[in-house]
C-alpha cells in the first residue's frame, strides 16, 4: 500500500476552493478514501491505483484553478502477519 499526500494552492483557510474540492472528488471517484486536512489531504491506495489517483488529482486541481500541486508518495510498512 502507498500513502499519497497532496497539497493544493492557492490556499484559502476554512474555504477550500473548487481546485481542492475537484481534486478530492477525482480521487474519491477512483475508490480512494481521502483524509481531508487543513494543510493537505491524503489517501492510502494500492500500487495499481497510485498512478491513476495521482494523475486524477493533478488534472482536476489544475483544471479548476490550482496554481501549485505537491504530491508525495510513500510506501507503507506491511504489518507482520
PDB file of N, CA and C in Angstrom:
ATOM      1  N   UNK A   1       0.844  -1.183   0.000  1.00  0.00           N
ATOM      2  CA  UNK A   1       0.000   0.000   0.000  1.00  0.00           C
ATOM      3  C   UNK A   1       0.886   1.241   0.000  1.00  0.00           C
ATOM      4  N   UNK A   2       0.365   2.276  -0.638  1.00  0.00           N
ATOM      5  CA  UNK A   2       1.080   3.543  -0.705  1.00  0.00           C
ATOM      6  C   UNK A   2       0.232   4.647  -0.079  1.00  0.00           C
ATOM      7  N   UNK A   3       0.902   5.536   0.603  1.00  0.00           N
ATOM      8  CA  UNK A   3       0.266   6.728   1.139  1.00  0.00           C
ATOM      9  C   UNK A   3       0.529   7.862   0.165  1.00  0.00           C
ATOM     10  N   UNK A   4      -0.528   8.460  -0.358  1.00  0.00           N
ATOM     11  CA  UNK A   4      -0.408   9.632  -1.219  1.00  0.00           C
ATOM     12  C   UNK A   4      -0.829  10.851  -0.409  1.00  0.00           C
ATOM     13  N   UNK A   5       0.037  11.843  -0.371  1.00  0.00           N
ATOM     14  CA  UNK A   5      -0.268  13.097   0.307  1.00  0.00           C
ATOM     15  C   UNK A   5      -0.212  14.210  -0.726  1.00  0.00           C
ATOM     16  N   UNK A   6      -1.171  15.115  -0.678  1.00  0.00           N
ATOM     17  CA  UNK A   6      -1.149  16.210  -1.638  1.00  0.00           C
ATOM     18  C   UNK A   6      -1.607  17.516  -1.005  1.00  0.00           C
ATOM     19  N   UNK A   7      -0.949  18.585  -1.427  1.00  0.00           N
ATOM     20  CA  UNK A   7      -1.349  19.940  -1.056  1.00  0.00           C
ATOM     21  C   UNK A   7      -1.593  20.710  -2.346  1.00  0.00           C
ATOM     22  N   UNK A   8      -2.588  21.559  -2.297  1.00  0.00           N
ATOM     23  CA  UNK A   8      -3.010  22.275  -3.499  1.00  0.00           C
ATOM     24  C   UNK A   8      -3.122  23.761  -3.161  1.00  0.00           C
ATOM     25  N   UNK A   9      -2.534  24.583  -3.989  1.00  0.00           N
ATOM     26  CA  UNK A   9      -2.588  26.038  -3.808  1.00  0.00           C
ATOM     27  C   UNK A   9      -3.321  26.663  -4.985  1.00  0.00           C
ATOM     28  N   UNK A  10      -3.943  27.809  -4.842  1.00  0.00           N
ATOM     29  CA  UNK A  10      -3.838  28.681  -3.688  1.00  0.00           C
ATOM     30  C   UNK A  10      -4.627  28.134  -2.498  1.00  0.00           C
ATOM     31  N   UNK A  11      -4.147  28.462  -1.312  1.00  0.00           N
ATOM     32  CA  UNK A  11      -4.724  28.015  -0.056  1.00  0.00           C
ATOM     33  C   UNK A  11      -5.690  29.074   0.447  1.00  0.00           C
ATOM     34  N   UNK A  12      -6.902  28.659   0.776  1.00  0.00           N
ATOM     35  CA  UNK A  12      -7.916  29.556   1.335  1.00  0.00           C
ATOM     36  C   UNK A  12      -8.374  28.955   2.657  1.00  0.00           C
ATOM     37  N   UNK A  13      -7.883  29.479   3.762  1.00  0.00           N
ATOM     38  CA  UNK A  13      -8.179  28.922   5.079  1.00  0.00           C
ATOM     39  C   UNK A  13      -9.679  28.862   5.332  1.00  0.00           C
ATOM     40  N   UNK A  14     -10.141  27.672   5.708  1.00  0.00           N
ATOM     41  CA  UNK A  14     -11.540  27.479   6.058  1.00  0.00           C
ATOM     42  C   UNK A  14     -12.491  27.389   4.889  1.00  0.00           C
ATOM     43  N   UNK A  15     -11.992  27.570   3.671  1.00  0.00           N
ATOM     44  CA  UNK A  15     -12.863  27.544   2.499  1.00  0.00           C
ATOM     45  C   UNK A  15     -12.101  26.973   1.310  1.00  0.00           C
ATOM     46  N   UNK A  16     -12.022  25.636   1.228  1.00  0.00           N
ATOM     47  CA  UNK A  16     -11.294  25.059   0.096  1.00  0.00           C
ATOM     48  C   UNK A  16     -11.978  25.421  -1.216  1.00  0.00           C
ATOM     49  N   UNK A  17     -11.199  25.897  -2.143  1.00  0.00           N
ATOM     50  CA  UNK A  17     -11.736  26.318  -3.426  1.00  0.00           C
ATOM     51  C   UNK A  17     -12.107  25.145  -4.314  1.00  0.00           C
ATOM     52  N   UNK A  18     -12.642  25.445  -5.496  1.00  0.00           N
ATOM     53  CA  UNK A  18     -13.038  24.386  -6.420  1.00  0.00           C
ATOM     54  C   UNK A  18     -11.856  23.539  -6.867  1.00  0.00           C
ATOM     55  N   UNK A  19     -10.655  24.105  -6.882  1.00  0.00           N
ATOM     56  CA  UNK A  19      -9.465  23.351  -7.267  1.00  0.00           C
ATOM     57  C   UNK A  19      -9.165  22.243  -6.260  1.00  0.00           C
ATOM     58  N   UNK A  20      -9.465  22.473  -4.995  1.00  0.00           N
ATOM     59  CA  UNK A  20      -9.254  21.454  -3.958  1.00  0.00           C
ATOM     60  C   UNK A  20     -10.401  20.451  -3.965  1.00  0.00           C
ATOM     61  N   UNK A  21     -11.621  20.939  -4.000  1.00  0.00           N
ATOM     62  CA  UNK A  21     -12.780  20.041  -3.972  1.00  0.00           C
ATOM     63  C   UNK A  21     -12.787  19.106  -5.176  1.00  0.00           C
ATOM     64  N   UNK A  22     -12.419  19.615  -6.344  1.00  0.00           N
ATOM     65  CA  UNK A  22     -12.394  18.779  -7.549  1.00  0.00           C
ATOM     66  C   UNK A  22     -11.321  17.699  -7.453  1.00  0.00           C
ATOM     67  N   UNK A  23     -10.176  18.029  -6.888  1.00  0.00           N
ATOM     68  CA  UNK A  23      -9.099  17.043  -6.750  1.00  0.00           C
ATOM     69  C   UNK A  23      -9.500  15.926  -5.795  1.00  0.00           C
ATOM     70  N   UNK A  24     -10.111  16.284  -4.681  1.00  0.00           N
ATOM     71  CA  UNK A  24     -10.577  15.279  -3.725  1.00  0.00           C
ATOM     72  C   UNK A  24     -11.648  14.404  -4.372  1.00  0.00           C
ATOM     73  N   UNK A  25     -12.585  15.010  -5.073  1.00  0.00           N
ATOM     74  CA  UNK A  25     -13.647  14.252  -5.744  1.00  0.00           C
ATOM     75  C   UNK A  25     -13.075  13.308  -6.794  1.00  0.00           C
ATOM     76  N   UNK A  26     -12.039  13.738  -7.505  1.00  0.00           N
ATOM     77  CA  UNK A  26     -11.419  12.887  -8.527  1.00  0.00           C
ATOM     78  C   UNK A  26     -10.784  11.658  -7.895  1.00  0.00           C
ATOM     79  N   UNK A  27     -10.118  11.835  -6.769  1.00  0.00           N
ATOM     80  CA  UNK A  27      -9.519  10.696  -6.067  1.00  0.00           C
ATOM     81  C   UNK A  27     -10.603   9.755  -5.553  1.00  0.00           C
ATOM     82  N   UNK A  28     -11.655  10.319  -4.990  1.00  0.00           N
ATOM     83  CA  UNK A  28     -12.741   9.501  -4.461  1.00  0.00           C
ATOM     84  C   UNK A  28     -13.483   8.755  -5.562  1.00  0.00           C
ATOM     85  N   UNK A  29     -13.574   9.341  -6.746  1.00  0.00           N
ATOM     86  CA  UNK A  29     -14.248   8.681  -7.869  1.00  0.00           C
ATOM     87  C   UNK A  29     -13.519   7.411  -8.296  1.00  0.00           C
ATOM     88  N   UNK A  30     -12.231   7.333  -7.975  1.00  0.00           N
ATOM     89  CA  UNK A  30     -11.446   6.142  -8.301  1.00  0.00           C
ATOM     90  C   UNK A  30     -11.396   5.149  -7.143  1.00  0.00           C
ATOM     91  N   UNK A  31     -12.144   5.415  -6.082  1.00  0.00           N
ATOM     92  CA  UNK A  31     -12.231   4.487  -4.963  1.00  0.00           C
ATOM     93  C   UNK A  31     -11.379   4.825  -3.760  1.00  0.00           C
ATOM     94  N   UNK A  32     -10.644   5.933  -3.804  1.00  0.00           N
ATOM     95  CA  UNK A  32      -9.811   6.324  -2.665  1.00  0.00           C
ATOM     96  C   UNK A  32     -10.676   6.998  -1.601  1.00  0.00           C
ATOM     97  N   UNK A  33     -10.347   6.751  -0.352  1.00  0.00           N
ATOM     98  CA  UNK A  33     -10.971   7.452   0.760  1.00  0.00           C
ATOM     99  C   UNK A  33      -9.998   8.532   1.194  1.00  0.00           C
ATOM    100  N   UNK A  34     -10.361   9.776   0.983  1.00  0.00           N
ATOM    101  CA  UNK A  34      -9.453  10.896   1.225  1.00  0.00           C
ATOM    102  C   UNK A  34      -9.640  11.427   2.641  1.00  0.00           C
ATOM    103  N   UNK A  35      -8.520  11.567   3.349  1.00  0.00           N
ATOM    104  CA  UNK A  35      -8.493  12.219   4.654  1.00  0.00           C
ATOM    105  C   UNK A  35      -8.189  13.686   4.379  1.00  0.00           C
ATOM    106  N   UNK A  36      -9.208  14.519   4.476  1.00  0.00           N
ATOM    107  CA  UNK A  36      -9.087  15.934   4.141  1.00  0.00           C
ATOM    108  C   UNK A  36      -8.596  16.690   5.362  1.00  0.00           C
ATOM    109  N   UNK A  37      -7.441  17.334   5.247  1.00  0.00           N
ATOM    110  CA  UNK A  37      -6.868  18.059   6.373  1.00  0.00           C
ATOM    111  C   UNK A  37      -6.760  19.541   6.097  1.00  0.00           C
ATOM    112  N   UNK A  38      -6.437  20.327   7.133  1.00  0.00           N
ATOM    113  CA  UNK A  38      -6.372  21.775   6.976  1.00  0.00           C
ATOM    114  C   UNK A  38      -5.199  22.251   6.113  1.00  0.00           C
ATOM    115  N   UNK A  39      -4.145  21.467   6.037  1.00  0.00           N
ATOM    116  CA  UNK A  39      -2.968  21.893   5.274  1.00  0.00           C
ATOM    117  C   UNK A  39      -2.637  20.955   4.123  1.00  0.00           C
ATOM    118  N   UNK A  40      -3.403  19.894   3.972  1.00  0.00           N
ATOM    119  CA  UNK A  40      -3.173  18.932   2.905  1.00  0.00           C
ATOM    120  C   UNK A  40      -4.115  17.763   3.090  1.00  0.00           C
ATOM    121  N   UNK A  41      -4.131  16.888   2.119  1.00  0.00           N
ATOM    122  CA  UNK A  41      -5.006  15.727   2.156  1.00  0.00           C
ATOM    123  C   UNK A  41      -4.192  14.490   1.857  1.00  0.00           C
ATOM    124  N   UNK A  42      -4.737  13.332   2.228  1.00  0.00           N
ATOM    125  CA  UNK A  42      -4.013  12.089   1.983  1.00  0.00           C
ATOM    126  C   UNK A  42      -4.994  10.954   1.763  1.00  0.00           C
ATOM    127  N   UNK A  43      -4.480   9.895   1.161  1.00  0.00           N
ATOM    128  CA  UNK A  43      -5.248   8.672   0.997  1.00  0.00           C
ATOM    129  C   UNK A  43      -4.269   7.508   0.884  1.00  0.00           C
ATOM    130  N   UNK A  44      -4.727   6.337   1.261  1.00  0.00           N
ATOM    131  CA  UNK A  44      -3.938   5.123   1.142  1.00  0.00           C
ATOM    132  C   UNK A  44      -4.528   4.317  -0.004  1.00  0.00           C
ATOM    133  N   UNK A  45      -3.677   3.943  -0.954  1.00  0.00           N
ATOM    134  CA  UNK A  45      -4.144   3.231  -2.145  1.00  0.00           C
ATOM    135  C   UNK A  45      -3.205   2.072  -2.464  1.00  0.00           C
ATOM    136  N   UNK A  46      -3.681   1.168  -3.290  1.00  0.00           N
ATOM    137  CA  UNK A  46      -2.825   0.097  -3.783  1.00  0.00           C
ATOM    138  C   UNK A  46      -1.838   0.674  -4.786  1.00  0.00           C
ATOM    139  N   UNK A  47      -0.783  -0.071  -5.048  1.00  0.00           N
ATOM    140  CA  UNK A  47       0.190   0.388  -6.043  1.00  0.00           C
ATOM    141  C   UNK A  47      -0.464   0.567  -7.405  1.00  0.00           C
ATOM    142  N   UNK A  48      -1.428  -0.283  -7.732  1.00  0.00           N
ATOM    143  CA  UNK A  48      -2.110  -0.190  -9.023  1.00  0.00           C
ATOM    144  C   UNK A  48      -2.918   1.095  -9.152  1.00  0.00           C
ATOM    145  N   UNK A  49      -3.437   1.591  -8.042  1.00  0.00           N
ATOM    146  CA  UNK A  49      -4.250   2.812  -8.084  1.00  0.00           C
ATOM    147  C   UNK A  49      -3.443   4.087  -7.901  1.00  0.00           C
ATOM    148  N   UNK A  50      -2.204   3.978  -7.445  1.00  0.00           N
ATOM    149  CA  UNK A  50      -1.417   5.175  -7.141  1.00  0.00           C
ATOM    150  C   UNK A  50      -1.264   6.087  -8.356  1.00  0.00           C
ATOM    151  N   UNK A  51      -0.915   5.530  -9.489  1.00  0.00           N
ATOM    152  CA  UNK A  51      -0.738   6.340 -10.696  1.00  0.00           C
ATOM    153  C   UNK A  51      -2.023   7.010 -11.142  1.00  0.00           C
ATOM    154  N   UNK A  52      -3.106   6.246 -11.303  1.00  0.00           N
ATOM    155  CA  UNK A  52      -4.365   6.868 -11.712  1.00  0.00           C
ATOM    156  C   UNK A  52      -4.888   7.909 -10.716  1.00  0.00           C
ATOM    157  N   UNK A  53      -4.771   7.646  -9.423  1.00  0.00           N
ATOM    158  CA  UNK A  53      -5.243   8.612  -8.429  1.00  0.00           C
ATOM    159  C   UNK A  53      -4.379   9.871  -8.467  1.00  0.00           C
ATOM    160  N   UNK A  54      -3.069   9.702  -8.509  1.00  0.00           N
ATOM    161  CA  UNK A  54      -2.178  10.860  -8.589  1.00  0.00           C
ATOM    162  C   UNK A  54      -2.454  11.701  -9.823  1.00  0.00           C
ATOM    163  N   UNK A  55      -2.621  11.045 -10.955  1.00  0.00           N
ATOM    164  CA  UNK A  55      -2.902  11.763 -12.201  1.00  0.00           C
ATOM    165  C   UNK A  55      -4.243  12.487 -12.127  1.00  0.00           C
ATOM    166  N   UNK A  56      -5.242  11.848 -11.534  1.00  0.00           N
ATOM    167  CA  UNK A  56      -6.562  12.459 -11.427  1.00  0.00           C
ATOM    168  C   UNK A  56      -6.532  13.686 -10.518  1.00  0.00           C
ATOM    169  N   UNK A  57      -5.792  13.599  -9.413  1.00  0.00           N
ATOM    170  CA  UNK A  57      -5.662  14.740  -8.503  1.00  0.00           C
ATOM    171  C   UNK A  57      -5.025  15.915  -9.231  1.00  0.00           C
ATOM    172  N   UNK A  58      -3.920  15.657  -9.926  1.00  0.00           N
ATOM    173  CA  UNK A  58      -3.231  16.728 -10.655  1.00  0.00           C
ATOM    174  C   UNK A  58      -4.128  17.346 -11.720  1.00  0.00           C
ATOM    175  N   UNK A  59      -4.743  16.503 -12.539  1.00  0.00           N
ATOM    176  CA  UNK A  59      -5.572  17.002 -13.636  1.00  0.00           C
ATOM    177  C   UNK A  59      -6.749  17.824 -13.118  1.00  0.00           C
ATOM    178  N   UNK A  60      -7.442  17.314 -12.104  1.00  0.00           N
ATOM    179  CA  UNK A  60      -8.617  18.021 -11.584  1.00  0.00           C
ATOM    180  C   UNK A  60      -8.230  19.330 -10.911  1.00  0.00           C
ATOM    181  N   UNK A  61      -7.145  19.317 -10.160  1.00  0.00           N
ATOM    182  CA  UNK A  61      -6.720  20.541  -9.474  1.00  0.00           C
ATOM    183  C   UNK A  61      -6.375  21.638 -10.476  1.00  0.00           C
ATOM    184  N   UNK A  62      -5.545  21.312 -11.467  1.00  0.00           N
ATOM    185  CA  UNK A  62      -5.140  22.334 -12.436  1.00  0.00           C
ATOM    186  C   UNK A  62      -6.294  22.764 -13.338  1.00  0.00           C
ATOM    187  N   UNK A  63      -7.200  21.846 -13.663  1.00  0.00           N
ATOM    188  CA  UNK A  63      -8.350  22.200 -14.496  1.00  0.00           C
ATOM    189  C   UNK A  63      -9.308  23.143 -13.769  1.00  0.00           C
ATOM    190  N   UNK A  64      -9.195  23.188 -12.438  1.00  0.00           N
ATOM    191  CA  UNK A  64     -10.107  24.016 -11.648  1.00  0.00           C
ATOM    192  C   UNK A  64      -9.416  25.179 -10.944  1.00  0.00           C
ATOM    193  N   UNK A  65      -8.253  25.590 -11.462  1.00  0.00           N
ATOM    194  CA  UNK A  65      -7.639  26.820 -10.994  1.00  0.00           C
ATOM    195  C   UNK A  65      -6.464  26.718 -10.050  1.00  0.00           C
ATOM    196  N   UNK A  66      -5.939  25.529  -9.804  1.00  0.00           N
ATOM    197  CA  UNK A  66      -4.774  25.416  -8.926  1.00  0.00           C
ATOM    198  C   UNK A  66      -3.569  26.098  -9.562  1.00  0.00           C
ATOM    199  N   UNK A  67      -2.746  26.707  -8.720  1.00  0.00           N
ATOM    200  CA  UNK A  67      -1.501  27.303  -9.197  1.00  0.00           C
ATOM    201  C   UNK A  67      -0.303  26.423  -8.874  1.00  0.00           C
ATOM    202  N   UNK A  68      -0.459  25.513  -7.905  1.00  0.00           N
ATOM    203  CA  UNK A  68       0.639  24.648  -7.476  1.00  0.00           C
ATOM    204  C   UNK A  68       0.044  23.407  -6.820  1.00  0.00           C
ATOM    205  N   UNK A  69       0.603  22.244  -7.148  1.00  0.00           N
ATOM    206  CA  UNK A  69       0.201  20.998  -6.501  1.00  0.00           C
ATOM    207  C   UNK A  69       1.460  20.253  -6.094  1.00  0.00           C
ATOM    208  N   UNK A  70       1.512  19.848  -4.837  1.00  0.00           N
ATOM    209  CA  UNK A  70       2.589  18.979  -4.360  1.00  0.00           C
ATOM    210  C   UNK A  70       1.989  17.607  -4.118  1.00  0.00           C
ATOM    211  N   UNK A  71       2.624  16.582  -4.659  1.00  0.00           N
ATOM    212  CA  UNK A  71       2.154  15.209  -4.498  1.00  0.00           C
ATOM    213  C   UNK A  71       3.316  14.376  -3.985  1.00  0.00           C
ATOM    214  N   UNK A  72       3.099  13.679  -2.885  1.00  0.00           N
ATOM    215  CA  UNK A  72       4.129  12.862  -2.253  1.00  0.00           C
ATOM    216  C   UNK A  72       3.587  11.447  -2.120  1.00  0.00           C
ATOM    217  N   UNK A  73       4.412  10.462  -2.452  1.00  0.00           N
ATOM    218  CA  UNK A  73       4.022   9.058  -2.300  1.00  0.00           C
ATOM    219  C   UNK A  73       5.025   8.357  -1.409  1.00  0.00           C
ATOM    220  N   UNK A  74       4.516   7.518  -0.528  1.00  0.00           N
ATOM    221  CA  UNK A  74       5.369   6.802   0.423  1.00  0.00           C
ATOM    222  C   UNK A  74       4.844   5.383   0.600  1.00  0.00           C
ATOM    223  N   UNK A  75       5.754   4.411   0.525  1.00  0.00           N
ATOM    224  CA  UNK A  75       5.361   3.018   0.756  1.00  0.00           C
ATOM    225  C   UNK A  75       5.144   2.814   2.251  1.00  0.00           C
ATOM    226  N   UNK A  76       4.027   2.213   2.603  1.00  0.00           N
ATOM    227  CA  UNK A  76       3.724   1.937   3.998  1.00  0.00           C
ATOM    228  C   UNK A  76       4.305   0.586   4.390  1.00  0.00           C
ATOM    229  N   UNK A  77       4.719   0.470   5.625  1.00  0.00           N
ATOM    230  CA  UNK A  77       5.233  -0.801   6.140  1.00  0.00           C
ATOM    231  C   UNK A  77       4.093  -1.812   6.172  1.00  0.00           C
ATOM    232  N   UNK A  78       4.376  -3.002   5.697  1.00  0.00           N
ATOM    233  CA  UNK A  78       3.381  -4.069   5.757  1.00  0.00           C
ATOM    234  C   UNK A  78       3.343  -4.622   7.175  1.00  0.00           C
ATOM    235  N   UNK A  79       2.160  -4.900   7.675  1.00  0.00           N
ATOM    236  CA  UNK A  79       2.026  -5.470   9.010  1.00  0.00           C
ATOM    237  C   UNK A  79       2.525  -6.909   9.000  1.00  0.00           C
ATOM    238  N   UNK A  80       3.310  -7.260  10.001  1.00  0.00           N
ATOM    239  CA  UNK A  80       3.800  -8.639  10.116  1.00  0.00           C
ATOM    240  C   UNK A  80       2.616  -9.535  10.440  1.00  0.00           C
ATOM    241  N   UNK A  81       2.559 -10.647   9.759  1.00  0.00           N
ATOM    242  CA  UNK A  81       1.380 -11.446   9.993  1.00  0.00           C
ATOM    243  C   UNK A  81       1.656 -12.851  10.054  1.00  0.00           C
TER     244      UNK A  81
END
